[in-house]
């Protein structure tokens, strides 16, 4: 692959949307959301967008 444009990929997690899960189950404990929060921060820092 000779494309000089860097790529960034993330894993797709199946399940209900976070907004729906939060509405049904209440807020997530902060300590359980830390890995996802840091991953999203890295994606955003790279100037990428994601689908929700």
Protein backbone atom coordinates (compact mmCIF):
# COMPACT_ATOMS: atom_id res chain seq x y z
CA UNK A 1 0.00 0.00 0.00
CA UNK A 2 1.65 3.16 -1.22
CA UNK A 3 -0.94 5.73 -0.13
CA UNK A 4 0.79 8.40 2.00
CA UNK A 5 -2.48 9.38 3.69
CA UNK A 6 -2.58 7.89 7.19
CA UNK A 7 -5.53 5.76 8.12
CA UNK A 8 -7.21 5.18 11.42
CA UNK A 9 -9.51 2.31 12.18
CA UNK A 10 -11.55 1.47 15.22
CA UNK A 11 -13.50 -1.58 16.25
CA UNK A 12 -17.24 -1.60 15.68
CA UNK A 13 -19.05 -2.67 18.81
CA UNK A 14 -22.48 -4.12 18.28
CA UNK A 15 -25.26 -3.20 20.63
CA UNK A 16 -27.71 -0.45 21.31
CA UNK A 17 -26.71 3.22 20.89
CA UNK A 18 -25.16 4.74 24.00
CA UNK A 19 -28.01 7.25 24.34
CA UNK A 20 -30.52 4.40 24.39
CA UNK A 21 -28.48 2.36 26.86
CA UNK A 22 -28.13 5.38 29.13
CA UNK A 23 -31.86 6.05 28.99
CA UNK A 24 -32.67 2.45 29.88
CA UNK A 25 -29.89 1.66 32.36
CA UNK A 26 -28.86 5.05 33.73
CA UNK A 27 -25.44 6.64 33.46
CA UNK A 28 -22.36 4.47 33.12
CA UNK A 29 -19.89 4.49 36.01
CA UNK A 30 -16.98 6.76 35.09
CA UNK A 31 -14.37 4.04 35.59
CA UNK A 32 -16.06 1.72 33.08
CA UNK A 33 -16.22 4.41 30.39
CA UNK A 34 -12.56 5.51 30.66
CA UNK A 35 -11.18 3.29 27.84
CA UNK A 36 -13.87 4.42 25.40
CA UNK A 37 -13.43 8.04 26.42
CA UNK A 38 -9.69 7.98 25.79
CA UNK A 39 -10.18 6.20 22.46
CA UNK A 40 -12.72 8.78 21.29
CA UNK A 41 -10.43 11.58 22.43
CA UNK A 42 -7.63 10.09 20.29
CA UNK A 43 -9.94 9.82 17.27
CA UNK A 44 -11.07 13.43 17.69
CA UNK A 45 -7.49 14.64 18.26
CA UNK A 46 -6.55 13.04 14.94
CA UNK A 47 -9.20 15.22 13.29
CA UNK A 48 -11.47 12.29 12.48
CA UNK A 49 -15.19 11.99 12.88
CA UNK A 50 -17.22 8.96 13.80
CA UNK A 51 -20.76 7.80 13.29
CA UNK A 52 -23.09 7.49 16.22
